[in-house]
């Protein structure tokens, strides 16, 4: 349809998800907006190859890292309004999907409160994509009929965690934790204390679809030691449940996995 080829509108903010990080997994719309936007405000997590595609004179790094340098969310919100008020078309680029633990909902509310038009461009969340490229389905007819997505990095100003680990332990489905590498000892212990079998399979997928992707597997009892032995660091996704154990049956034939035995030259 011809309407899909129009230029991004002036004075509009586009809340764009980059997907898990491989440039080939950008949506067609996301790619078009990135190529034509006046300014791109990006996080650290869209993936290095995607960030390198952005012209240096049209991109602003407003990323945040746990325990490291960060741009306050309030400053990001104000910058979006400032740029759009100047009549610029602005892409706010997030890793994964901006409405899945990406604070896109907060930014949308702020823009609406300041009467700035915006559009949401969804993407594949890394909560699904990172396990998938590692050969792990988050649901499986034989192993899991439900999946719960949890953040491992809650708002530090909260008085207590909003995550009910005991309830999650009782669901019997898959638990996917984003941004939870640092707190891995805490929530694996909480799940064991809630009665989850210590032998439950667990997988860590670091930098899923990025160059340098790593996958480490263990159990609820052993995964912290595995994390330390393998040197798994953020960003990584934790998959807890029987589905994590299915990777072993497919990994030898998995061509898009950097740690698999089959390694096509064109694949990472």
C-alpha atoms as a PDB file:
ATOM      1  CA  UNK A   1       0.000   0.000   0.000  1.00  0.00           C
ATOM      2  CA  UNK A   2       1.300   3.433  -0.950  1.00  0.00           C
ATOM      3  CA  UNK A   3       0.627   4.841   2.525  1.00  0.00           C
ATOM      4  CA  UNK A   4       3.358   2.710   3.980  1.00  0.00           C
ATOM      5  CA  UNK A   5       6.036   4.620   2.055  1.00  0.00           C
ATOM      6  CA  UNK A   6       5.333   8.035   3.561  1.00  0.00           C
ATOM      7  CA  UNK A   7       8.022   9.894   5.474  1.00  0.00           C
ATOM      8  CA  UNK A   8       7.908   9.958   9.285  1.00  0.00           C
ATOM      9  CA  UNK A   9       5.764  12.896  10.421  1.00  0.00           C
ATOM     10  CA  UNK A  10       7.349  16.008  11.885  1.00  0.00           C
ATOM     11  CA  UNK A  11       6.773  16.501  15.578  1.00  0.00           C
ATOM     12  CA  UNK A  12       5.976  12.825  16.145  1.00  0.00           C
ATOM     13  CA  UNK A  13       7.729  10.361  18.437  1.00  0.00           C
ATOM     14  CA  UNK A  14       7.964   6.725  17.344  1.00  0.00           C
ATOM     15  CA  UNK A  15       8.376   4.232  20.195  1.00  0.00           C
ATOM     16  CA  UNK A  16      10.214   1.534  18.268  1.00  0.00           C
ATOM     17  CA  UNK A  17      11.303  -1.914  19.418  1.00  0.00           C
ATOM     18  CA  UNK A  18      14.494  -3.188  17.797  1.00  0.00           C
ATOM     19  CA  UNK A  19      13.814  -6.857  18.488  1.00  0.00           C
ATOM     20  CA  UNK A  20      16.515  -9.024  20.062  1.00  0.00           C
ATOM     21  CA  UNK A  21      19.442  -7.279  18.361  1.00  0.00           C
ATOM     22  CA  UNK A  22      20.192  -8.906  15.010  1.00  0.00           C
ATOM     23  CA  UNK A  23      19.639  -6.221  12.305  1.00  0.00           C
ATOM     24  CA  UNK A  24      17.915  -8.799  10.106  1.00  0.00           C
ATOM     25  CA  UNK A  25      15.246  -9.176  12.797  1.00  0.00           C
ATOM     26  CA  UNK A  26      14.245  -5.511  12.686  1.00  0.00           C
ATOM     27  CA  UNK A  27      10.736  -5.058  11.345  1.00  0.00           C
ATOM     28  CA  UNK A  28      10.448  -3.437   7.926  1.00  0.00           C
ATOM     29  CA  UNK A  29       8.711  -0.447   9.510  1.00  0.00           C
ATOM     30  CA  UNK A  30      11.379  -0.039  12.192  1.00  0.00           C
ATOM     31  CA  UNK A  31      14.112  -0.054   9.536  1.00  0.00           C
ATOM     32  CA  UNK A  32      12.301   2.558   7.458  1.00  0.00           C
ATOM     33  CA  UNK A  33      11.779   4.861  10.434  1.00  0.00           C
ATOM     34  CA  UNK A  34      15.409   4.539  11.532  1.00  0.00           C
ATOM     35  CA  UNK A  35      16.606   5.472   8.054  1.00  0.00           C
ATOM     36  CA  UNK A  36      14.392   8.553   7.804  1.00  0.00           C
ATOM     37  CA  UNK A  37      14.058   9.928  11.347  1.00  0.00           C
ATOM     38  CA  UNK A  38      15.603  13.274  12.220  1.00  0.00           C
ATOM     39  CA  UNK A  39      16.861  11.978  15.565  1.00  0.00           C
ATOM     40  CA  UNK A  40      17.159   8.518  17.162  1.00  0.00           C
ATOM     41  CA  UNK A  41      17.359   8.226  20.945  1.00  0.00           C
ATOM     42  CA  UNK A  42      18.595   4.719  21.662  1.00  0.00           C
ATOM     43  CA  UNK A  43      19.253   2.474  24.639  1.00  0.00           C
ATOM     44  CA  UNK A  44      22.248   0.183  25.125  1.00  0.00           C
ATOM     45  CA  UNK A  45      20.252  -2.924  24.230  1.00  0.00           C
ATOM     46  CA  UNK A  46      19.210  -2.643  20.561  1.00  0.00           C
ATOM     47  CA  UNK A  47      22.406  -4.526  19.715  1.00  0.00           C
ATOM     48  CA  UNK A  48      25.781  -3.163  18.566  1.00  0.00           C
ATOM     49  CA  UNK A  49      25.203  -3.923  14.892  1.00  0.00           C
ATOM     50  CA  UNK A  50      21.921  -1.989  14.855  1.00  0.00           C
ATOM     51  CA  UNK A  51      23.438   0.984  16.654  1.00  0.00           C
ATOM     52  CA  UNK A  52      26.324   1.034  14.162  1.00  0.00           C
ATOM     53  CA  UNK A  53      23.793   1.410  11.342  1.00  0.00           C
ATOM     54  CA  UNK A  54      22.610   4.738  12.757  1.00  0.00           C
ATOM     55  CA  UNK A  55      24.359   7.864  11.437  1.00  0.00           C
ATOM     56  CA  UNK A  56      26.416   9.390  14.267  1.00  0.00           C
ATOM     57  CA  UNK A  57      24.990  12.851  13.672  1.00  0.00           C
ATOM     58  CA  UNK A  58      21.398  11.650  14.095  1.00  0.00           C
ATOM     59  CA  UNK A  59      21.684   9.432  17.157  1.00  0.00           C
ATOM     60  CA  UNK A  60      21.781  10.101  20.885  1.00  0.00           C
ATOM     61  CA  UNK A  61      22.800   7.466  23.422  1.00  0.00           C
ATOM     62  CA  UNK A  62      20.425   7.635  26.386  1.00  0.00           C
ATOM     63  CA  UNK A  63      21.117   4.128  27.617  1.00  0.00           C
ATOM     64  CA  UNK A  64      21.103   2.812  31.140  1.00  0.00           C
ATOM     65  CA  UNK A  65      23.218   0.043  32.638  1.00  0.00           C
ATOM     66  CA  UNK A  66      22.671  -1.532  36.034  1.00  0.00           C
ATOM     67  CA  UNK A  67      25.403  -0.213  38.321  1.00  0.00           C
ATOM     68  CA  UNK A  68      26.892   1.949  35.576  1.00  0.00           C
ATOM     69  CA  UNK A  69      26.353   5.215  33.746  1.00  0.00           C
ATOM     70  CA  UNK A  70      22.730   6.052  33.151  1.00  0.00           C
ATOM     71  CA  UNK A  71      20.525   8.721  31.692  1.00  0.00           C
ATOM     72  CA  UNK A  72      17.651   9.440  34.107  1.00  0.00           C
ATOM     73  CA  UNK A  73      14.261   8.498  32.707  1.00  0.00           C
ATOM     74  CA  UNK A  74      13.021  12.010  33.461  1.00  0.00           C
ATOM     75  CA  UNK A  75      15.744  13.439  31.205  1.00  0.00           C
ATOM     76  CA  UNK A  76      14.778  11.028  28.408  1.00  0.00           C
ATOM     77  CA  UNK A  77      11.119  12.025  28.690  1.00  0.00           C
ATOM     78  CA  UNK A  78      11.977  15.728  28.558  1.00  0.00           C
ATOM     79  CA  UNK A  79      14.295  15.253  25.585  1.00  0.00           C
ATOM     80  CA  UNK A  80      11.577  13.469  23.600  1.00  0.00           C
ATOM     81  CA  UNK A  81       9.171  16.355  24.183  1.00  0.00           C
ATOM     82  CA  UNK A  82      11.850  18.939  23.381  1.00  0.00           C
ATOM     83  CA  UNK A  83      12.797  17.363  20.048  1.00  0.00           C
ATOM     84  CA  UNK A  84       9.215  16.744  18.942  1.00  0.00           C
ATOM     85  CA  UNK A  85       8.269  20.308  19.917  1.00  0.00           C
ATOM     86  CA  UNK A  86      10.983  21.508  17.526  1.00  0.00           C
ATOM     87  CA  UNK A  87       9.119  19.742  14.724  1.00  0.00           C
ATOM     88  CA  UNK A  88      11.473  16.763  14.436  1.00  0.00           C
ATOM     89  CA  UNK A  89      10.493  13.180  13.732  1.00  0.00           C
ATOM     90  CA  UNK A  90      11.981  11.224  16.632  1.00  0.00           C
ATOM     91  CA  UNK A  91      12.586   7.499  17.014  1.00  0.00           C
ATOM     92  CA  UNK A  92      12.887   6.252  20.575  1.00  0.00           C
ATOM     93  CA  UNK A  93      14.687   2.955  19.972  1.00  0.00           C
ATOM     94  CA  UNK A  94      14.476   0.207  22.587  1.00  0.00           C
ATOM     95  CA  UNK A  95      15.901  -3.279  22.808  1.00  0.00           C
ATOM     96  CA  UNK A  96      13.275  -5.989  22.362  1.00  0.00           C
ATOM     97  CA  UNK A  97       9.750  -4.575  22.512  1.00  0.00           C
ATOM     98  CA  UNK A  98       9.358  -1.171  24.115  1.00  0.00           C
ATOM     99  CA  UNK A  99       6.203  -2.212  25.973  1.00  0.00           C
ATOM    100  CA  UNK A 100       7.778  -5.322  27.578  1.00  0.00           C
ATOM    101  CA  UNK A 101       9.844  -4.090  30.552  1.00  0.00           C
ATOM    102  CA  UNK A 102      11.063  -1.273  28.319  1.00  0.00           C
ATOM    103  CA  UNK A 103       9.324   1.665  30.041  1.00  0.00           C
ATOM    104  CA  UNK A 104       7.607   2.459  26.766  1.00  0.00           C
ATOM    105  CA  UNK A 105       4.298   2.736  28.581  1.00  0.00           C
ATOM    106  CA  UNK A 106       5.698   5.435  30.861  1.00  0.00           C
ATOM    107  CA  UNK A 107       7.069   7.363  27.894  1.00  0.00           C
ATOM    108  CA  UNK A 108       3.740   7.109  26.073  1.00  0.00           C
ATOM    109  CA  UNK A 109       1.939   8.567  29.090  1.00  0.00           C
ATOM    110  CA  UNK A 110       4.449  11.401  29.369  1.00  0.00           C
ATOM    111  CA  UNK A 111       4.129  12.252  25.683  1.00  0.00           C
ATOM    112  CA  UNK A 112       0.336  12.227  25.869  1.00  0.00           C
ATOM    113  CA  UNK A 113       0.408  14.452  28.960  1.00  0.00           C
ATOM    114  CA  UNK A 114       2.458  16.964  26.941  1.00  0.00           C
ATOM    115  CA  UNK A 115       0.216  16.637  23.871  1.00  0.00           C
ATOM    116  CA  UNK A 116       2.956  15.093  21.709  1.00  0.00           C
ATOM    117  CA  UNK A 117       1.679  12.681  19.033  1.00  0.00           C
ATOM    118  CA  UNK A 118       3.348   9.275  19.088  1.00  0.00           C
ATOM    119  CA  UNK A 119       3.178   5.884  17.429  1.00  0.00           C
ATOM    120  CA  UNK A 120       4.118   2.488  18.849  1.00  0.00           C
ATOM    121  CA  UNK A 121       6.058   0.101  16.599  1.00  0.00           C
ATOM    122  CA  UNK A 122       6.058  -3.371  18.201  1.00  0.00           C
ATOM    123  CA  UNK A 123       8.876  -5.882  17.930  1.00  0.00           C
ATOM    124  CA  UNK A 124       9.771  -9.411  18.990  1.00  0.00           C
ATOM    125  CA  UNK A 125      10.704  -9.338  22.660  1.00  0.00           C
ATOM    126  CA  UNK A 126      13.993 -10.929  23.670  1.00  0.00           C
ATOM    127  CA  UNK A 127      12.006 -12.896  26.263  1.00  0.00           C
ATOM    128  CA  UNK A 128      10.868 -15.096  23.378  1.00  0.00           C
ATOM    129  CA  UNK A 129      13.551 -14.530  20.747  1.00  0.00           C
ATOM    130  CA  UNK A 130      16.654 -15.198  22.853  1.00  0.00           C
ATOM    131  CA  UNK A 131      15.454 -18.617  24.065  1.00  0.00           C
ATOM    132  CA  UNK A 132      14.237 -19.456  20.549  1.00  0.00           C
ATOM    133  CA  UNK A 133      17.591 -18.880  18.852  1.00  0.00           C
ATOM    134  CA  UNK A 134      19.162 -21.031  21.580  1.00  0.00           C
ATOM    135  CA  UNK A 135      16.787 -23.859  20.678  1.00  0.00           C
ATOM    136  CA  UNK A 136      14.418 -23.375  23.613  1.00  0.00           C
ATOM    137  CA  UNK A 137      10.672 -22.919  23.040  1.00  0.00           C
ATOM    138  CA  UNK A 138       9.040 -21.039  25.908  1.00  0.00           C
ATOM    139  CA  UNK A 139       5.943 -23.218  25.457  1.00  0.00           C
ATOM    140  CA  UNK A 140       5.761 -26.876  24.444  1.00  0.00           C
ATOM    141  CA  UNK A 141       2.804 -29.264  24.287  1.00  0.00           C
ATOM    142  CA  UNK A 142       4.661 -31.834  26.384  1.00  0.00           C
ATOM    143  CA  UNK A 143       6.261 -29.497  28.911  1.00  0.00           C
ATOM    144  CA  UNK A 144       4.608 -26.095  29.362  1.00  0.00           C
ATOM    145  CA  UNK A 145       1.185 -24.695  28.526  1.00  0.00           C
ATOM    146  CA  UNK A 146       1.864 -21.309  30.097  1.00  0.00           C
ATOM    147  CA  UNK A 147       4.723 -18.840  30.355  1.00  0.00           C
ATOM    148  CA  UNK A 148       5.337 -16.020  32.828  1.00  0.00           C
ATOM    149  CA  UNK A 149       7.572 -13.043  32.027  1.00  0.00           C
ATOM    150  CA  UNK A 150       9.291 -11.452  35.006  1.00  0.00           C
ATOM    151  CA  UNK A 151      11.707  -8.564  35.398  1.00  0.00           C
ATOM    152  CA  UNK A 152      14.770  -9.229  37.478  1.00  0.00           C
ATOM    153  CA  UNK A 153      15.382  -5.495  37.839  1.00  0.00           C
ATOM    154  CA  UNK A 154      12.427  -3.853  39.554  1.00  0.00           C
ATOM    155  CA  UNK A 155      12.070  -0.207  40.503  1.00  0.00           C
ATOM    156  CA  UNK A 156      14.560   0.223  43.378  1.00  0.00           C
ATOM    157  CA  UNK A 157      12.216   2.690  45.101  1.00  0.00           C
ATOM    158  CA  UNK A 158       9.639  -0.033  45.788  1.00  0.00           C
ATOM    159  CA  UNK A 159       9.268  -1.045  49.431  1.00  0.00           C
ATOM    160  CA  UNK A 160       9.079  -4.704  48.476  1.00  0.00           C
ATOM    161  CA  UNK A 161       9.163  -6.900  45.379  1.00  0.00           C
ATOM    162  CA  UNK A 162       5.960  -7.193  43.391  1.00  0.00           C
ATOM    163  CA  UNK A 163       7.014 -10.643  42.142  1.00  0.00           C
ATOM    164  CA  UNK A 164       5.333 -13.531  43.953  1.00  0.00           C
ATOM    165  CA  UNK A 165       7.940 -16.248  43.434  1.00  0.00           C
ATOM    166  CA  UNK A 166       5.921 -18.765  45.453  1.00  0.00           C
ATOM    167  CA  UNK A 167       2.948 -18.321  43.110  1.00  0.00           C
ATOM    168  CA  UNK A 168       5.205 -18.653  40.075  1.00  0.00           C
ATOM    169  CA  UNK A 169       6.713 -21.846  41.489  1.00  0.00           C
ATOM    170  CA  UNK A 170       3.227 -23.315  41.700  1.00  0.00           C
ATOM    171  CA  UNK A 171       2.174 -22.524  38.118  1.00  0.00           C
ATOM    172  CA  UNK A 172       3.960 -25.445  36.488  1.00  0.00           C
ATOM    173  CA  UNK A 173       4.782 -23.423  33.388  1.00  0.00           C
ATOM    174  CA  UNK A 174       7.859 -21.656  32.065  1.00  0.00           C
ATOM    175  CA  UNK A 175       9.345 -18.671  33.864  1.00  0.00           C
ATOM    176  CA  UNK A 176      11.380 -16.213  31.779  1.00  0.00           C
ATOM    177  CA  UNK A 177      13.351 -13.602  33.697  1.00  0.00           C
ATOM    178  CA  UNK A 178      14.728 -10.545  31.903  1.00  0.00           C
ATOM    179  CA  UNK A 179      17.557  -8.454  33.350  1.00  0.00           C
ATOM    180  CA  UNK A 180      18.015 -10.983  36.124  1.00  0.00           C
ATOM    181  CA  UNK A 181      21.610 -12.210  35.934  1.00  0.00           C
ATOM    182  CA  UNK A 182      22.724 -10.298  38.999  1.00  0.00           C
ATOM    183  CA  UNK A 183      19.804 -11.442  41.133  1.00  0.00           C
ATOM    184  CA  UNK A 184      19.968 -15.055  39.951  1.00  0.00           C
ATOM    185  CA  UNK A 185      20.955 -16.398  43.415  1.00  0.00           C
ATOM    186  CA  UNK A 186      18.005 -14.612  45.032  1.00  0.00           C
ATOM    187  CA  UNK A 187      15.175 -15.813  42.834  1.00  0.00           C
ATOM    188  CA  UNK A 188      16.465 -19.346  42.285  1.00  0.00           C
ATOM    189  CA  UNK A 189      16.658 -19.701  46.068  1.00  0.00           C
ATOM    190  CA  UNK A 190      13.155 -18.232  46.415  1.00  0.00           C
ATOM    191  CA  UNK A 191      11.778 -20.741  43.913  1.00  0.00           C
ATOM    192  CA  UNK A 192      13.437 -23.665  45.687  1.00  0.00           C
ATOM    193  CA  UNK A 193      12.122 -22.474  49.033  1.00  0.00           C
ATOM    194  CA  UNK A 194       8.652 -22.298  47.476  1.00  0.00           C
ATOM    195  CA  UNK A 195       8.870 -25.980  46.586  1.00  0.00           C
ATOM    196  CA  UNK A 196      10.117 -25.993  43.002  1.00  0.00           C
ATOM    197  CA  UNK A 197      12.194 -29.083  42.237  1.00  0.00           C
ATOM    198  CA  UNK A 198      15.920 -28.223  42.516  1.00  0.00           C
ATOM    199  CA  UNK A 199      16.492 -30.387  39.416  1.00  0.00           C
ATOM    200  CA  UNK A 200      14.289 -28.124  37.260  1.00  0.00           C
ATOM    201  CA  UNK A 201      16.233 -27.248  34.087  1.00  0.00           C
ATOM    202  CA  UNK A 202      17.453 -23.661  33.737  1.00  0.00           C
ATOM    203  CA  UNK A 203      19.130 -21.919  30.804  1.00  0.00           C
ATOM    204  CA  UNK A 204      20.896 -18.578  30.542  1.00  0.00           C
ATOM    205  CA  UNK A 205      21.046 -16.951  27.107  1.00  0.00           C
ATOM    206  CA  UNK A 206      23.496 -14.063  26.981  1.00  0.00           C
ATOM    207  CA  UNK A 207      23.346 -11.593  24.078  1.00  0.00           C
ATOM    208  CA  UNK A 208      20.799 -13.642  22.161  1.00  0.00           C
ATOM    209  CA  UNK A 209      21.194 -13.032  18.363  1.00  0.00           C
ATOM    210  CA  UNK A 210      24.130 -10.661  19.011  1.00  0.00           C
ATOM    211  CA  UNK A 211      27.728 -11.422  18.072  1.00  0.00           C
ATOM    212  CA  UNK A 212      29.186 -13.329  21.005  1.00  0.00           C
ATOM    213  CA  UNK A 213      25.959 -15.068  21.977  1.00  0.00           C
ATOM    214  CA  UNK A 214      26.474 -17.565  24.801  1.00  0.00           C
ATOM    215  CA  UNK A 215      24.214 -20.217  26.303  1.00  0.00           C
ATOM    216  CA  UNK A 216      24.716 -21.949  29.624  1.00  0.00           C
ATOM    217  CA  UNK A 217      22.484 -24.626  31.105  1.00  0.00           C
ATOM    218  CA  UNK A 218      22.056 -26.188  34.511  1.00  0.00           C
ATOM    219  CA  UNK A 219      19.389 -26.739  37.118  1.00  0.00           C
ATOM    220  CA  UNK A 220      17.719 -24.592  39.720  1.00  0.00           C
ATOM    221  CA  UNK A 221      20.320 -25.935  42.143  1.00  0.00           C
ATOM    222  CA  UNK A 222      23.427 -25.517  39.962  1.00  0.00           C
ATOM    223  CA  UNK A 223      22.767 -22.572  37.653  1.00  0.00           C
ATOM    224  CA  UNK A 224      24.438 -19.941  39.853  1.00  0.00           C
ATOM    225  CA  UNK A 225      27.697 -21.907  39.804  1.00  0.00           C
ATOM    226  CA  UNK A 226      27.301 -22.449  36.061  1.00  0.00           C
ATOM    227  CA  UNK A 227      26.810 -18.696  35.569  1.00  0.00           C
ATOM    228  CA  UNK A 228      30.049 -17.986  37.395  1.00  0.00           C
ATOM    229  CA  UNK A 229      32.025 -20.753  35.681  1.00  0.00           C
ATOM    230  CA  UNK A 230      30.863 -19.738  32.195  1.00  0.00           C
ATOM    231  CA  UNK A 231      31.189 -15.997  32.856  1.00  0.00           C
ATOM    232  CA  UNK A 232      27.633 -15.167  31.840  1.00  0.00           C
ATOM    233  CA  UNK A 233      26.998 -11.429  32.100  1.00  0.00           C
ATOM    234  CA  UNK A 234      24.179  -9.016  31.252  1.00  0.00           C
ATOM    235  CA  UNK A 235      22.301  -8.704  29.027  1.00  0.00           C
ATOM    236  CA  UNK A 236      20.935 -12.211  29.427  1.00  0.00           C
ATOM    237  CA  UNK A 237      17.604 -13.990  29.662  1.00  0.00           C
ATOM    238  CA  UNK A 238      16.932 -16.735  32.210  1.00  0.00           C
ATOM    239  CA  UNK A 239      14.590 -19.585  31.239  1.00  0.00           C
ATOM    240  CA  UNK A 240      13.320 -21.774  34.075  1.00  0.00           C
ATOM    241  CA  UNK A 241      11.283 -24.904  33.444  1.00  0.00           C
ATOM    242  CA  UNK A 242      11.242 -28.200  31.620  1.00  0.00           C
ATOM    243  CA  UNK A 243      11.434 -26.447  28.226  1.00  0.00           C
ATOM    244  CA  UNK A 244      15.019 -25.484  29.034  1.00  0.00           C
ATOM    245  CA  UNK A 245      15.889 -29.170  28.996  1.00  0.00           C
ATOM    246  CA  UNK A 246      14.697 -29.623  25.404  1.00  0.00           C
ATOM    247  CA  UNK A 247      17.705 -27.689  24.055  1.00  0.00           C
ATOM    248  CA  UNK A 248      19.924 -30.750  24.477  1.00  0.00           C
ATOM    249  CA  UNK A 249      17.881 -32.709  21.919  1.00  0.00           C
ATOM    250  CA  UNK A 250      18.189 -30.086  19.159  1.00  0.00           C
ATOM    251  CA  UNK A 251      21.438 -28.192  19.735  1.00  0.00           C
ATOM    252  CA  UNK A 252      23.599 -30.409  17.506  1.00  0.00           C
ATOM    253  CA  UNK A 253      21.515 -29.366  14.490  1.00  0.00           C
ATOM    254  CA  UNK A 254      20.832 -25.765  15.446  1.00  0.00           C
ATOM    255  CA  UNK A 255      22.490 -23.578  12.814  1.00  0.00           C
ATOM    256  CA  UNK A 256      21.752 -20.136  14.281  1.00  0.00           C
ATOM    257  CA  UNK A 257      23.336 -20.845  17.649  1.00  0.00           C
ATOM    258  CA  UNK A 258      26.900 -19.654  18.209  1.00  0.00           C
ATOM    259  CA  UNK A 259      27.653 -22.466  20.622  1.00  0.00           C
ATOM    260  CA  UNK A 260      26.136 -25.307  18.591  1.00  0.00           C
ATOM    261  CA  UNK A 261      28.134 -28.029  16.880  1.00  0.00           C
ATOM    262  CA  UNK A 262      26.793 -27.112  13.447  1.00  0.00           C
ATOM    263  CA  UNK A 263      28.375 -23.806  12.499  1.00  0.00           C
ATOM    264  CA  UNK A 264      27.645 -22.482   9.041  1.00  0.00           C
ATOM    265  CA  UNK A 265      30.168 -19.793   7.952  1.00  0.00           C
ATOM    266  CA  UNK A 266      27.419 -17.208   7.435  1.00  0.00           C
ATOM    267  CA  UNK A 267      25.908 -17.789  10.863  1.00  0.00           C
ATOM    268  CA  UNK A 268      27.029 -16.397  14.175  1.00  0.00           C
END
